[in-house]
Amino acid sequence: MTFHHIDFYRHLLNKLKVGIVIMDEDRRIHYVNEKGQRMTGWEVGEKVPYCTYCQSRTVLDGQERCLLATEESMDYFQAEMPVYQGKYMPFEMRLSSMHLQDGKKNDGVND
């Protein structure tokens, strides 16, 4: 993909009315569009914090706490997420899981 195409897609994602966060299986943010950044205050390179549901759910030893970082994840759910300045906001979350060429999984999370 050429640089021109990358700029086009970045511009397109930034014009959407929804926040888009792309994270890896460790919840590390690889991309956040402008709307997502304004809604959360999160930056590329940070870890997506646990939502209120995942903070309180019971997990087994070795089980991933974050539903968005597991293969068993729900397609859609609602929870409050910690955002900038320590506040919590309600979010509707949808998951689209992508397996990249190197075999690693990326999760695209949006509101």
PDB file of N, CA and C in Angstrom:
ATOM      1  N   MET A   1       0.845  -1.165   0.000  1.00  0.00           N
ATOM      2  CA  MET A   1       0.000   0.000   0.000  1.00  0.00           C
ATOM      3  C   MET A   1       0.897   1.237   0.000  1.00  0.00           C
ATOM      4  N   THR A   2       0.613   2.170  -0.848  1.00  0.00           N
ATOM      5  CA  THR A   2       1.436   3.368  -0.941  1.00  0.00           C
ATOM      6  C   THR A   2       1.075   4.353   0.162  1.00  0.00           C
ATOM      7  N   PHE A   3       1.967   5.307   0.373  1.00  0.00           N
ATOM      8  CA  PHE A   3       1.733   6.324   1.392  1.00  0.00           C
ATOM      9  C   PHE A   3       0.434   7.071   1.112  1.00  0.00           C
ATOM     10  N   HIS A   4       0.164   7.351  -0.152  1.00  0.00           N
ATOM     11  CA  HIS A   4      -1.067   8.055  -0.520  1.00  0.00           C
ATOM     12  C   HIS A   4      -2.297   7.281  -0.041  1.00  0.00           C
ATOM     13  N   HIS A   5      -2.282   5.946  -0.205  1.00  0.00           N
ATOM     14  CA  HIS A   5      -3.412   5.127   0.236  1.00  0.00           C
ATOM     15  C   HIS A   5      -3.551   5.153   1.751  1.00  0.00           C
ATOM     16  N   ILE A   6      -2.441   5.117   2.458  1.00  0.00           N
ATOM     17  CA  ILE A   6      -2.480   5.151   3.918  1.00  0.00           C
ATOM     18  C   ILE A   6      -3.116   6.453   4.383  1.00  0.00           C
ATOM     19  N   ASP A   7      -2.721   7.561   3.779  1.00  0.00           N
ATOM     20  CA  ASP A   7      -3.319   8.856   4.135  1.00  0.00           C
ATOM     21  C   ASP A   7      -4.817   8.864   3.860  1.00  0.00           C
ATOM     22  N   PHE A   8      -5.229   8.274   2.745  1.00  0.00           N
ATOM     23  CA  PHE A   8      -6.652   8.222   2.402  1.00  0.00           C
ATOM     24  C   PHE A   8      -7.434   7.465   3.470  1.00  0.00           C
ATOM     25  N   TYR A   9      -6.953   6.278   3.866  1.00  0.00           N
ATOM     26  CA  TYR A   9      -7.667   5.473   4.852  1.00  0.00           C
ATOM     27  C   TYR A   9      -7.647   6.126   6.228  1.00  0.00           C
ATOM     28  N   ARG A  10      -6.549   6.736   6.613  1.00  0.00           N
ATOM     29  CA  ARG A  10      -6.495   7.452   7.885  1.00  0.00           C
ATOM     30  C   ARG A  10      -7.522   8.592   7.884  1.00  0.00           C
ATOM     31  N   HIS A  11      -7.587   9.337   6.794  1.00  0.00           N
ATOM     32  CA  HIS A  11      -8.562  10.423   6.667  1.00  0.00           C
ATOM     33  C   HIS A  11      -9.988   9.868   6.745  1.00  0.00           C
ATOM     34  N   LEU A  12     -10.249   8.774   6.069  1.00  0.00           N
ATOM     35  CA  LEU A  12     -11.567   8.150   6.082  1.00  0.00           C
ATOM     36  C   LEU A  12     -11.959   7.729   7.503  1.00  0.00           C
ATOM     37  N   LEU A  13     -11.069   7.050   8.214  1.00  0.00           N
ATOM     38  CA  LEU A  13     -11.362   6.605   9.575  1.00  0.00           C
ATOM     39  C   LEU A  13     -11.573   7.784  10.524  1.00  0.00           C
ATOM     40  N   ASN A  14     -10.855   8.863  10.293  1.00  0.00           N
ATOM     41  CA  ASN A  14     -11.003  10.036  11.148  1.00  0.00           C
ATOM     42  C   ASN A  14     -12.310  10.780  10.897  1.00  0.00           C
ATOM     43  N   LYS A  15     -12.960  10.571   9.761  1.00  0.00           N
ATOM     44  CA  LYS A  15     -14.233  11.219   9.459  1.00  0.00           C
ATOM     45  C   LYS A  15     -15.428  10.440   9.997  1.00  0.00           C
ATOM     46  N   LEU A  16     -15.218   9.208  10.450  1.00  0.00           N
ATOM     47  CA  LEU A  16     -16.315   8.409  10.994  1.00  0.00           C
ATOM     48  C   LEU A  16     -16.839   9.017  12.285  1.00  0.00           C
ATOM     49  N   LYS A  17     -18.113   8.795  12.554  1.00  0.00           N
ATOM     50  CA  LYS A  17     -18.761   9.317  13.756  1.00  0.00           C
ATOM     51  C   LYS A  17     -18.626   8.367  14.944  1.00  0.00           C
ATOM     52  N   VAL A  18     -17.846   7.305  14.801  1.00  0.00           N
ATOM     53  CA  VAL A  18     -17.613   6.346  15.879  1.00  0.00           C
ATOM     54  C   VAL A  18     -16.130   6.323  16.204  1.00  0.00           C
ATOM     55  N   GLY A  19     -15.836   5.984  17.457  1.00  0.00           N
ATOM     56  CA  GLY A  19     -14.443   5.809  17.858  1.00  0.00           C
ATOM     57  C   GLY A  19     -13.944   4.444  17.446  1.00  0.00           C
ATOM     58  N   ILE A  20     -12.752   4.389  16.891  1.00  0.00           N
ATOM     59  CA  ILE A  20     -12.141   3.123  16.475  1.00  0.00           C
ATOM     60  C   ILE A  20     -10.827   2.965  17.237  1.00  0.00           C
ATOM     61  N   VAL A  21     -10.662   1.823  17.879  1.00  0.00           N
ATOM     62  CA  VAL A  21      -9.417   1.500  18.566  1.00  0.00           C
ATOM     63  C   VAL A  21      -8.964   0.147  18.041  1.00  0.00           C
ATOM     64  N   ILE A  22      -7.734   0.073  17.581  1.00  0.00           N
ATOM     65  CA  ILE A  22      -7.165  -1.201  17.146  1.00  0.00           C
ATOM     66  C   ILE A  22      -6.095  -1.575  18.166  1.00  0.00           C
ATOM     67  N   MET A  23      -6.291  -2.745  18.770  1.00  0.00           N
ATOM     68  CA  MET A  23      -5.369  -3.206  19.806  1.00  0.00           C
ATOM     69  C   MET A  23      -4.930  -4.629  19.502  1.00  0.00           C
ATOM     70  N   ASP A  24      -3.835  -5.048  20.127  1.00  0.00           N
ATOM     71  CA  ASP A  24      -3.385  -6.429  19.969  1.00  0.00           C
ATOM     72  C   ASP A  24      -3.898  -7.271  21.134  1.00  0.00           C
ATOM     73  N   GLU A  25      -3.500  -8.543  21.158  1.00  0.00           N
ATOM     74  CA  GLU A  25      -4.006  -9.449  22.191  1.00  0.00           C
ATOM     75  C   GLU A  25      -3.524  -9.073  23.593  1.00  0.00           C
ATOM     76  N   ASP A  26      -2.533  -8.210  23.696  1.00  0.00           N
ATOM     77  CA  ASP A  26      -2.075  -7.714  24.992  1.00  0.00           C
ATOM     78  C   ASP A  26      -2.761  -6.402  25.370  1.00  0.00           C
ATOM     79  N   ARG A  27      -3.759  -5.985  24.593  1.00  0.00           N
ATOM     80  CA  ARG A  27      -4.539  -4.762  24.779  1.00  0.00           C
ATOM     81  C   ARG A  27      -3.728  -3.508  24.480  1.00  0.00           C
ATOM     82  N   ARG A  28      -2.588  -3.636  23.803  1.00  0.00           N
ATOM     83  CA  ARG A  28      -1.768  -2.484  23.428  1.00  0.00           C
ATOM     84  C   ARG A  28      -2.388  -1.814  22.205  1.00  0.00           C
ATOM     85  N   ILE A  29      -2.578  -0.496  22.263  1.00  0.00           N
ATOM     86  CA  ILE A  29      -3.224   0.252  21.188  1.00  0.00           C
ATOM     87  C   ILE A  29      -2.236   0.484  20.050  1.00  0.00           C
ATOM     88  N   HIS A  30      -2.647   0.088  18.834  1.00  0.00           N
ATOM     89  CA  HIS A  30      -1.844   0.317  17.627  1.00  0.00           C
ATOM     90  C   HIS A  30      -2.408   1.448  16.786  1.00  0.00           C
ATOM     91  N   TYR A  31      -3.692   1.718  16.946  1.00  0.00           N
ATOM     92  CA  TYR A  31      -4.323   2.824  16.216  1.00  0.00           C
ATOM     93  C   TYR A  31      -5.557   3.268  16.980  1.00  0.00           C
ATOM     94  N   VAL A  32      -5.787   4.562  17.028  1.00  0.00           N
ATOM     95  CA  VAL A  32      -7.037   5.124  17.545  1.00  0.00           C
ATOM     96  C   VAL A  32      -7.382   6.314  16.655  1.00  0.00           C
ATOM     97  N   ASN A  33      -8.621   6.335  16.145  1.00  0.00           N
ATOM     98  CA  ASN A  33      -8.983   7.460  15.277  1.00  0.00           C
ATOM     99  C   ASN A  33      -9.270   8.696  16.141  1.00  0.00           C
ATOM    100  N   GLU A  34      -9.473   9.836  15.487  1.00  0.00           N
ATOM    101  CA  GLU A  34      -9.645  11.096  16.211  1.00  0.00           C
ATOM    102  C   GLU A  34     -10.835  11.052  17.168  1.00  0.00           C
ATOM    103  N   LYS A  35     -11.964  10.499  16.734  1.00  0.00           N
ATOM    104  CA  LYS A  35     -13.154  10.406  17.584  1.00  0.00           C
ATOM    105  C   LYS A  35     -12.857   9.535  18.808  1.00  0.00           C
ATOM    106  N   GLY A  36     -12.211   8.401  18.608  1.00  0.00           N
ATOM    107  CA  GLY A  36     -11.855   7.524  19.721  1.00  0.00           C
ATOM    108  C   GLY A  36     -10.919   8.199  20.699  1.00  0.00           C
ATOM    109  N   GLN A  37      -9.969   8.958  20.189  1.00  0.00           N
ATOM    110  CA  GLN A  37      -9.021   9.658  21.053  1.00  0.00           C
ATOM    111  C   GLN A  37      -9.731  10.750  21.859  1.00  0.00           C
ATOM    112  N   ARG A  38     -10.648  11.474  21.220  1.00  0.00           N
ATOM    113  CA  ARG A  38     -11.396  12.516  21.936  1.00  0.00           C
ATOM    114  C   ARG A  38     -12.306  11.905  23.006  1.00  0.00           C
ATOM    115  N   MET A  39     -12.902  10.748  22.715  1.00  0.00           N
ATOM    116  CA  MET A  39     -13.820  10.106  23.655  1.00  0.00           C
ATOM    117  C   MET A  39     -13.098   9.535  24.870  1.00  0.00           C
ATOM    118  N   THR A  40     -11.898   9.017  24.663  1.00  0.00           N
ATOM    119  CA  THR A  40     -11.227   8.262  25.726  1.00  0.00           C
ATOM    120  C   THR A  40      -9.986   8.940  26.293  1.00  0.00           C
ATOM    121  N   GLY A  41      -9.306   9.717  25.466  1.00  0.00           N
ATOM    122  CA  GLY A  41      -8.019  10.265  25.875  1.00  0.00           C
ATOM    123  C   GLY A  41      -6.887   9.276  25.698  1.00  0.00           C
ATOM    124  N   TRP A  42      -7.175   8.079  25.162  1.00  0.00           N
ATOM    125  CA  TRP A  42      -6.155   7.049  24.992  1.00  0.00           C
ATOM    126  C   TRP A  42      -5.237   7.395  23.834  1.00  0.00           C
ATOM    127  N   GLU A  43      -3.991   6.916  23.909  1.00  0.00           N
ATOM    128  CA  GLU A  43      -2.976   7.174  22.897  1.00  0.00           C
ATOM    129  C   GLU A  43      -2.402   5.854  22.381  1.00  0.00           C
ATOM    130  N   VAL A  44      -1.880   5.890  21.171  1.00  0.00           N
ATOM    131  CA  VAL A  44      -1.178   4.739  20.594  1.00  0.00           C
ATOM    132  C   VAL A  44      -0.037   4.360  21.531  1.00  0.00           C
ATOM    133  N   GLY A  45       0.125   3.066  21.761  1.00  0.00           N
ATOM    134  CA  GLY A  45       1.177   2.557  22.630  1.00  0.00           C
ATOM    135  C   GLY A  45       0.697   2.244  24.039  1.00  0.00           C
ATOM    136  N   GLU A  46      -0.407   2.856  24.453  1.00  0.00           N
ATOM    137  CA  GLU A  46      -0.962   2.574  25.776  1.00  0.00           C
ATOM    138  C   GLU A  46      -1.736   1.259  25.740  1.00  0.00           C
ATOM    139  N   LYS A  47      -2.018   0.718  26.933  1.00  0.00           N
ATOM    140  CA  LYS A  47      -2.884  -0.450  27.033  1.00  0.00           C
ATOM    141  C   LYS A  47      -4.315   0.014  27.253  1.00  0.00           C
ATOM    142  N   VAL A  48      -5.256  -0.660  26.592  1.00  0.00           N
ATOM    143  CA  VAL A  48      -6.672  -0.393  26.819  1.00  0.00           C
ATOM    144  C   VAL A  48      -6.990  -0.860  28.237  1.00  0.00           C
ATOM    145  N   PRO A  49      -7.552   0.011  29.074  1.00  0.00           N
ATOM    146  CA  PRO A  49      -7.876  -0.403  30.445  1.00  0.00           C
ATOM    147  C   PRO A  49      -9.045  -1.385  30.456  1.00  0.00           C
ATOM    148  N   TYR A  50      -9.172  -2.110  31.548  1.00  0.00           N
ATOM    149  CA  TYR A  50     -10.293  -3.034  31.693  1.00  0.00           C
ATOM    150  C   TYR A  50     -11.593  -2.260  31.912  1.00  0.00           C
ATOM    151  N   CYS A  51     -12.668  -2.708  31.270  1.00  0.00           N
ATOM    152  CA  CYS A  51     -13.982  -2.116  31.491  1.00  0.00           C
ATOM    153  C   CYS A  51     -14.499  -2.563  32.860  1.00  0.00           C
ATOM    154  N   THR A  52     -15.588  -1.969  33.303  1.00  0.00           N
ATOM    155  CA  THR A  52     -16.138  -2.304  34.620  1.00  0.00           C
ATOM    156  C   THR A  52     -16.561  -3.770  34.700  1.00  0.00           C
ATOM    157  N   TYR A  53     -17.068  -4.324  33.607  1.00  0.00           N
ATOM    158  CA  TYR A  53     -17.469  -5.731  33.618  1.00  0.00           C
ATOM    159  C   TYR A  53     -16.255  -6.634  33.815  1.00  0.00           C
ATOM    160  N   CYS A  54     -15.204  -6.399  33.027  1.00  0.00           N
ATOM    161  CA  CYS A  54     -14.012  -7.252  33.108  1.00  0.00           C
ATOM    162  C   CYS A  54     -13.258  -7.065  34.417  1.00  0.00           C
ATOM    163  N   GLN A  55     -13.330  -5.876  35.003  1.00  0.00           N
ATOM    164  CA  GLN A  55     -12.688  -5.641  36.294  1.00  0.00           C
ATOM    165  C   GLN A  55     -13.291  -6.519  37.380  1.00  0.00           C
ATOM    166  N   SER A  56     -14.589  -6.797  37.280  1.00  0.00           N
ATOM    167  CA  SER A  56     -15.271  -7.507  38.363  1.00  0.00           C
ATOM    168  C   SER A  56     -15.594  -8.965  38.048  1.00  0.00           C
ATOM    169  N   ARG A  57     -15.383  -9.411  36.815  1.00  0.00           N
ATOM    170  CA  ARG A  57     -15.768 -10.785  36.488  1.00  0.00           C
ATOM    171  C   ARG A  57     -14.780 -11.792  37.073  1.00  0.00           C
ATOM    172  N   THR A  58     -15.273 -12.970  37.362  1.00  0.00           N
ATOM    173  CA  THR A  58     -14.444 -14.043  37.891  1.00  0.00           C
ATOM    174  C   THR A  58     -13.713 -14.728  36.739  1.00  0.00           C
ATOM    175  N   VAL A  59     -12.406 -14.893  36.887  1.00  0.00           N
ATOM    176  CA  VAL A  59     -11.617 -15.582  35.855  1.00  0.00           C
ATOM    177  C   VAL A  59     -10.839 -16.723  36.502  1.00  0.00           C
ATOM    178  N   LEU A  60     -10.575 -17.749  35.717  1.00  0.00           N
ATOM    179  CA  LEU A  60      -9.776 -18.885  36.171  1.00  0.00           C
ATOM    180  C   LEU A  60      -8.294 -18.550  36.024  1.00  0.00           C
ATOM    181  N   ASP A  61      -7.436 -19.290  36.706  1.00  0.00           N
ATOM    182  CA  ASP A  61      -5.993 -19.103  36.562  1.00  0.00           C
ATOM    183  C   ASP A  61      -5.600 -19.224  35.094  1.00  0.00           C
ATOM    184  N   GLY A  62      -4.861 -18.248  34.600  1.00  0.00           N
ATOM    185  CA  GLY A  62      -4.399 -18.265  33.215  1.00  0.00           C
ATOM    186  C   GLY A  62      -5.413 -17.757  32.200  1.00  0.00           C
ATOM    187  N   GLN A  63      -6.636 -17.489  32.631  1.00  0.00           N
ATOM    188  CA  GLN A  63      -7.669 -16.995  31.722  1.00  0.00           C
ATOM    189  C   GLN A  63      -7.524 -15.486  31.547  1.00  0.00           C
ATOM    190  N   GLU A  64      -7.704 -15.005  30.328  1.00  0.00           N
ATOM    191  CA  GLU A  64      -7.630 -13.568  30.040  1.00  0.00           C
ATOM    192  C   GLU A  64      -8.820 -12.864  30.675  1.00  0.00           C
ATOM    193  N   ARG A  65      -8.560 -11.785  31.395  1.00  0.00           N
ATOM    194  CA  ARG A  65      -9.625 -11.013  32.038  1.00  0.00           C
ATOM    195  C   ARG A  65     -10.431 -10.217  31.027  1.00  0.00           C
ATOM    196  N   CYS A  66      -9.785  -9.674  30.017  1.00  0.00           N
ATOM    197  CA  CYS A  66     -10.438  -8.793  29.043  1.00  0.00           C
ATOM    198  C   CYS A  66     -11.190  -9.605  27.991  1.00  0.00           C
ATOM    199  N   LEU A  67     -12.510  -9.416  27.914  1.00  0.00           N
ATOM    200  CA  LEU A  67     -13.314 -10.117  26.909  1.00  0.00           C
ATOM    201  C   LEU A  67     -12.905  -9.738  25.491  1.00  0.00           C
ATOM    202  N   LEU A  68     -12.445  -8.509  25.301  1.00  0.00           N
ATOM    203  CA  LEU A  68     -12.079  -8.059  23.966  1.00  0.00           C
ATOM    204  C   LEU A  68     -10.784  -8.680  23.473  1.00  0.00           C
ATOM    205  N   ALA A  69     -10.006  -9.273  24.365  1.00  0.00           N
ATOM    206  CA  ALA A  69      -8.722  -9.864  23.995  1.00  0.00           C
ATOM    207  C   ALA A  69      -8.784 -11.385  23.960  1.00  0.00           C
ATOM    208  N   THR A  70      -9.983 -11.961  24.005  1.00  0.00           N
ATOM    209  CA  THR A  70     -10.121 -13.417  23.985  1.00  0.00           C
ATOM    210  C   THR A  70     -10.842 -13.881  22.734  1.00  0.00           C
ATOM    211  N   GLU A  71     -10.654 -15.120  22.405  1.00  0.00           N
ATOM    212  CA  GLU A  71     -11.373 -15.723  21.268  1.00  0.00           C
ATOM    213  C   GLU A  71     -12.844 -15.933  21.613  1.00  0.00           C
ATOM    214  N   GLU A  72     -13.174 -16.040  22.909  1.00  0.00           N
ATOM    215  CA  GLU A  72     -14.553 -16.300  23.331  1.00  0.00           C
ATOM    216  C   GLU A  72     -15.368 -15.026  23.428  1.00  0.00           C
ATOM    217  N   SER A  73     -14.843 -13.937  23.004  1.00  0.00           N
ATOM    218  CA  SER A  73     -15.483 -12.644  23.178  1.00  0.00           C
ATOM    219  C   SER A  73     -16.865 -12.584  22.535  1.00  0.00           C
ATOM    220  N   MET A  74     -17.712 -11.778  23.150  1.00  0.00           N
ATOM    221  CA  MET A  74     -19.027 -11.504  22.591  1.00  0.00           C
ATOM    222  C   MET A  74     -18.869 -10.540  21.418  1.00  0.00           C
ATOM    223  N   ASP A  75     -19.762 -10.603  20.449  1.00  0.00           N
ATOM    224  CA  ASP A  75     -19.716  -9.668  19.332  1.00  0.00           C
ATOM    225  C   ASP A  75     -20.040  -8.241  19.772  1.00  0.00           C
ATOM    226  N   TYR A  76     -20.848  -8.107  20.816  1.00  0.00           N
ATOM    227  CA  TYR A  76     -21.326  -6.799  21.244  1.00  0.00           C
ATOM    228  C   TYR A  76     -21.620  -6.835  22.739  1.00  0.00           C
ATOM    229  N   PHE A  77     -21.242  -5.798  23.462  1.00  0.00           N
ATOM    230  CA  PHE A  77     -21.675  -5.653  24.838  1.00  0.00           C
ATOM    231  C   PHE A  77     -21.528  -4.204  25.273  1.00  0.00           C
ATOM    232  N   GLN A  78     -22.143  -3.886  26.418  1.00  0.00           N
ATOM    233  CA  GLN A  78     -22.080  -2.540  26.978  1.00  0.00           C
ATOM    234  C   GLN A  78     -21.394  -2.600  28.328  1.00  0.00           C
ATOM    235  N   ALA A  79     -20.545  -1.619  28.580  1.00  0.00           N
ATOM    236  CA  ALA A  79     -19.870  -1.499  29.878  1.00  0.00           C
ATOM    237  C   ALA A  79     -19.319  -0.089  29.990  1.00  0.00           C
ATOM    238  N   GLU A  80     -18.895   0.246  31.180  1.00  0.00           N
ATOM    239  CA  GLU A  80     -18.231   1.528  31.361  1.00  0.00           C
ATOM    240  C   GLU A  80     -16.729   1.322  31.251  1.00  0.00           C
ATOM    241  N   MET A  81     -16.071   2.271  30.576  1.00  0.00           N
ATOM    242  CA  MET A  81     -14.623   2.209  30.378  1.00  0.00           C
ATOM    243  C   MET A  81     -13.964   3.384  31.079  1.00  0.00           C
ATOM    244  N   PRO A  82     -12.807   3.145  31.721  1.00  0.00           N
ATOM    245  CA  PRO A  82     -12.063   4.263  32.268  1.00  0.00           C
ATOM    246  C   PRO A  82     -11.498   5.104  31.126  1.00  0.00           C
ATOM    247  N   VAL A  83     -11.698   6.397  31.208  1.00  0.00           N
ATOM    248  CA  VAL A  83     -11.202   7.306  30.173  1.00  0.00           C
ATOM    249  C   VAL A  83     -10.289   8.334  30.848  1.00  0.00           C
ATOM    250  N   TYR A  84      -9.948   9.373  30.136  1.00  0.00           N
ATOM    251  CA  TYR A  84      -9.052  10.399  30.657  1.00  0.00           C
ATOM    252  C   TYR A  84      -9.526  10.931  32.004  1.00  0.00           C
ATOM    253  N   GLN A  85      -8.611  11.400  32.790  1.00  0.00           N
ATOM    254  CA  GLN A  85      -8.858  12.018  34.092  1.00  0.00           C
ATOM    255  C   GLN A  85      -9.556  11.090  35.076  1.00  0.00           C
ATOM    256  N   GLY A  86      -9.408   9.772  34.909  1.00  0.00           N
ATOM    257  CA  GLY A  86      -9.957   8.822  35.859  1.00  0.00           C
ATOM    258  C   GLY A  86     -11.464   8.676  35.851  1.00  0.00           C
ATOM    259  N   LYS A  87     -12.131   9.252  34.878  1.00  0.00           N
ATOM    260  CA  LYS A  87     -13.588   9.151  34.786  1.00  0.00           C
ATOM    261  C   LYS A  87     -13.982   7.875  34.065  1.00  0.00           C
ATOM    262  N   TYR A  88     -15.232   7.460  34.240  1.00  0.00           N
ATOM    263  CA  TYR A  88     -15.793   6.318  33.534  1.00  0.00           C
ATOM    264  C   TYR A  88     -16.912   6.809  32.630  1.00  0.00           C
ATOM    265  N   MET A  89     -16.979   6.238  31.426  1.00  0.00           N
ATOM    266  CA  MET A  89     -18.053   6.563  30.483  1.00  0.00           C
ATOM    267  C   MET A  89     -18.664   5.274  29.968  1.00  0.00           C
ATOM    268  N   PRO A  90     -19.990   5.267  29.743  1.00  0.00           N
ATOM    269  CA  PRO A  90     -20.613   4.073  29.155  1.00  0.00           C
ATOM    270  C   PRO A  90     -20.252   3.960  27.674  1.00  0.00           C
ATOM    271  N   PHE A  91     -19.948   2.752  27.243  1.00  0.00           N
ATOM    272  CA  PHE A  91     -19.621   2.484  25.844  1.00  0.00           C
ATOM    273  C   PHE A  91     -20.374   1.259  25.366  1.00  0.00           C
ATOM    274  N   GLU A  92     -20.734   1.278  24.098  1.00  0.00           N
ATOM    275  CA  GLU A  92     -21.193   0.083  23.400  1.00  0.00           C
ATOM    276  C   GLU A  92     -19.985  -0.398  22.624  1.00  0.00           C
ATOM    277  N   MET A  93     -19.612  -1.655  22.797  1.00  0.00           N
ATOM    278  CA  MET A  93     -18.402  -2.169  22.147  1.00  0.00           C
ATOM    279  C   MET A  93     -18.748  -3.318  21.220  1.00  0.00           C
ATOM    280  N   ARG A  94     -18.096  -3.308  20.097  1.00  0.00           N
ATOM    281  CA  ARG A  94     -18.209  -4.382  19.112  1.00  0.00           C
ATOM    282  C   ARG A  94     -16.796  -4.863  18.812  1.00  0.00           C
ATOM    283  N   LEU A  95     -16.663  -6.134  18.545  1.00  0.00           N
ATOM    284  CA  LEU A  95     -15.351  -6.710  18.304  1.00  0.00           C
ATOM    285  C   LEU A  95     -15.264  -7.244  16.889  1.00  0.00           C
ATOM    286  N   SER A  96     -14.180  -6.912  16.225  1.00  0.00           N
ATOM    287  CA  SER A  96     -13.830  -7.521  14.951  1.00  0.00           C
ATOM    288  C   SER A  96     -12.409  -8.029  15.103  1.00  0.00           C
ATOM    289  N   SER A  97     -12.251  -9.329  15.116  1.00  0.00           N
ATOM    290  CA  SER A  97     -10.942  -9.930  15.309  1.00  0.00           C
ATOM    291  C   SER A  97     -10.274 -10.156  13.960  1.00  0.00           C
ATOM    292  N   MET A  98      -9.003  -9.813  13.874  1.00  0.00           N
ATOM    293  CA  MET A  98      -8.240  -9.981  12.633  1.00  0.00           C
ATOM    294  C   MET A  98      -6.969 -10.758  12.945  1.00  0.00           C
ATOM    295  N   HIS A  99      -6.689 -11.765  12.151  1.00  0.00           N
ATOM    296  CA  HIS A  99      -5.428 -12.484  12.275  1.00  0.00           C
ATOM    297  C   HIS A  99      -4.516 -11.985  11.165  1.00  0.00           C
ATOM    298  N   LEU A 100      -3.395 -11.418  11.561  1.00  0.00           N
ATOM    299  CA  LEU A 100      -2.472 -10.831  10.602  1.00  0.00           C
ATOM    300  C   LEU A 100      -1.578 -11.896   9.982  1.00  0.00           C
ATOM    301  N   GLN A 101      -0.812 -11.518   8.986  1.00  0.00           N
ATOM    302  CA  GLN A 101       0.035 -12.465   8.266  1.00  0.00           C
ATOM    303  C   GLN A 101       1.027 -13.166   9.178  1.00  0.00           C
ATOM    304  N   ASP A 102       1.487 -12.492  10.229  1.00  0.00           N
ATOM    305  CA  ASP A 102       2.445 -13.118  11.140  1.00  0.00           C
ATOM    306  C   ASP A 102       1.766 -14.053  12.140  1.00  0.00           C
ATOM    307  N   GLY A 103       0.449 -14.236  12.005  1.00  0.00           N
ATOM    308  CA  GLY A 103      -0.287 -15.143  12.870  1.00  0.00           C
ATOM    309  C   GLY A 103      -0.791 -14.510  14.151  1.00  0.00           C
ATOM    310  N   LYS A 104      -0.363 -13.279  14.434  1.00  0.00           N
ATOM    311  CA  LYS A 104      -0.830 -12.598  15.630  1.00  0.00           C
ATOM    312  C   LYS A 104      -2.239 -12.083  15.402  1.00  0.00           C
ATOM    313  N   LYS A 105      -2.969 -11.928  16.477  1.00  0.00           N
ATOM    314  CA  LYS A 105      -4.340 -11.464  16.417  1.00  0.00           C
ATOM    315  C   LYS A 105      -4.396  -9.991  16.799  1.00  0.00           C
ATOM    316  N   ASN A 106      -5.124  -9.189  16.042  1.00  0.00           N
ATOM    317  CA  ASN A 106      -5.415  -7.808  16.411  1.00  0.00           C
ATOM    318  C   ASN A 106      -6.902  -7.690  16.592  1.00  0.00           C
ATOM    319  N   ASP A 107      -7.308  -6.879  17.559  1.00  0.00           N
ATOM    320  CA  ASP A 107      -8.715  -6.635  17.797  1.00  0.00           C
ATOM    321  C   ASP A 107      -9.042  -5.194  17.474  1.00  0.00           C
ATOM    322  N   GLY A 108     -10.030  -5.003  16.657  1.00  0.00           N
ATOM    323  CA  GLY A 108     -10.507  -3.647  16.383  1.00  0.00           C
ATOM    324  C   GLY A 108     -11.731  -3.409  17.235  1.00  0.00           C
ATOM    325  N   VAL A 109     -11.649  -2.494  18.138  1.00  0.00           N
ATOM    326  CA  VAL A 109     -12.716  -2.219  19.081  1.00  0.00           C
ATOM    327  C   VAL A 109     -13.292  -0.872  18.746  1.00  0.00           C
ATOM    328  N   ASN A 110     -14.579  -0.779  18.652  1.00  0.00           N
ATOM    329  CA  ASN A 110     -15.165   0.532  18.397  1.00  0.00           C
ATOM    330  C   ASN A 110     -16.412   0.716  19.235  1.00  0.00           C
ATOM    331  N   ASP A 111     -16.809   1.957  19.374  1.00  0.00           N
ATOM    332  CA  ASP A 111     -18.010   2.232  20.180  1.00  0.00           C
ATOM    333  C   ASP A 111     -19.219   2.204  19.288  1.00  0.00           C
TER     334      ASP A 111
END
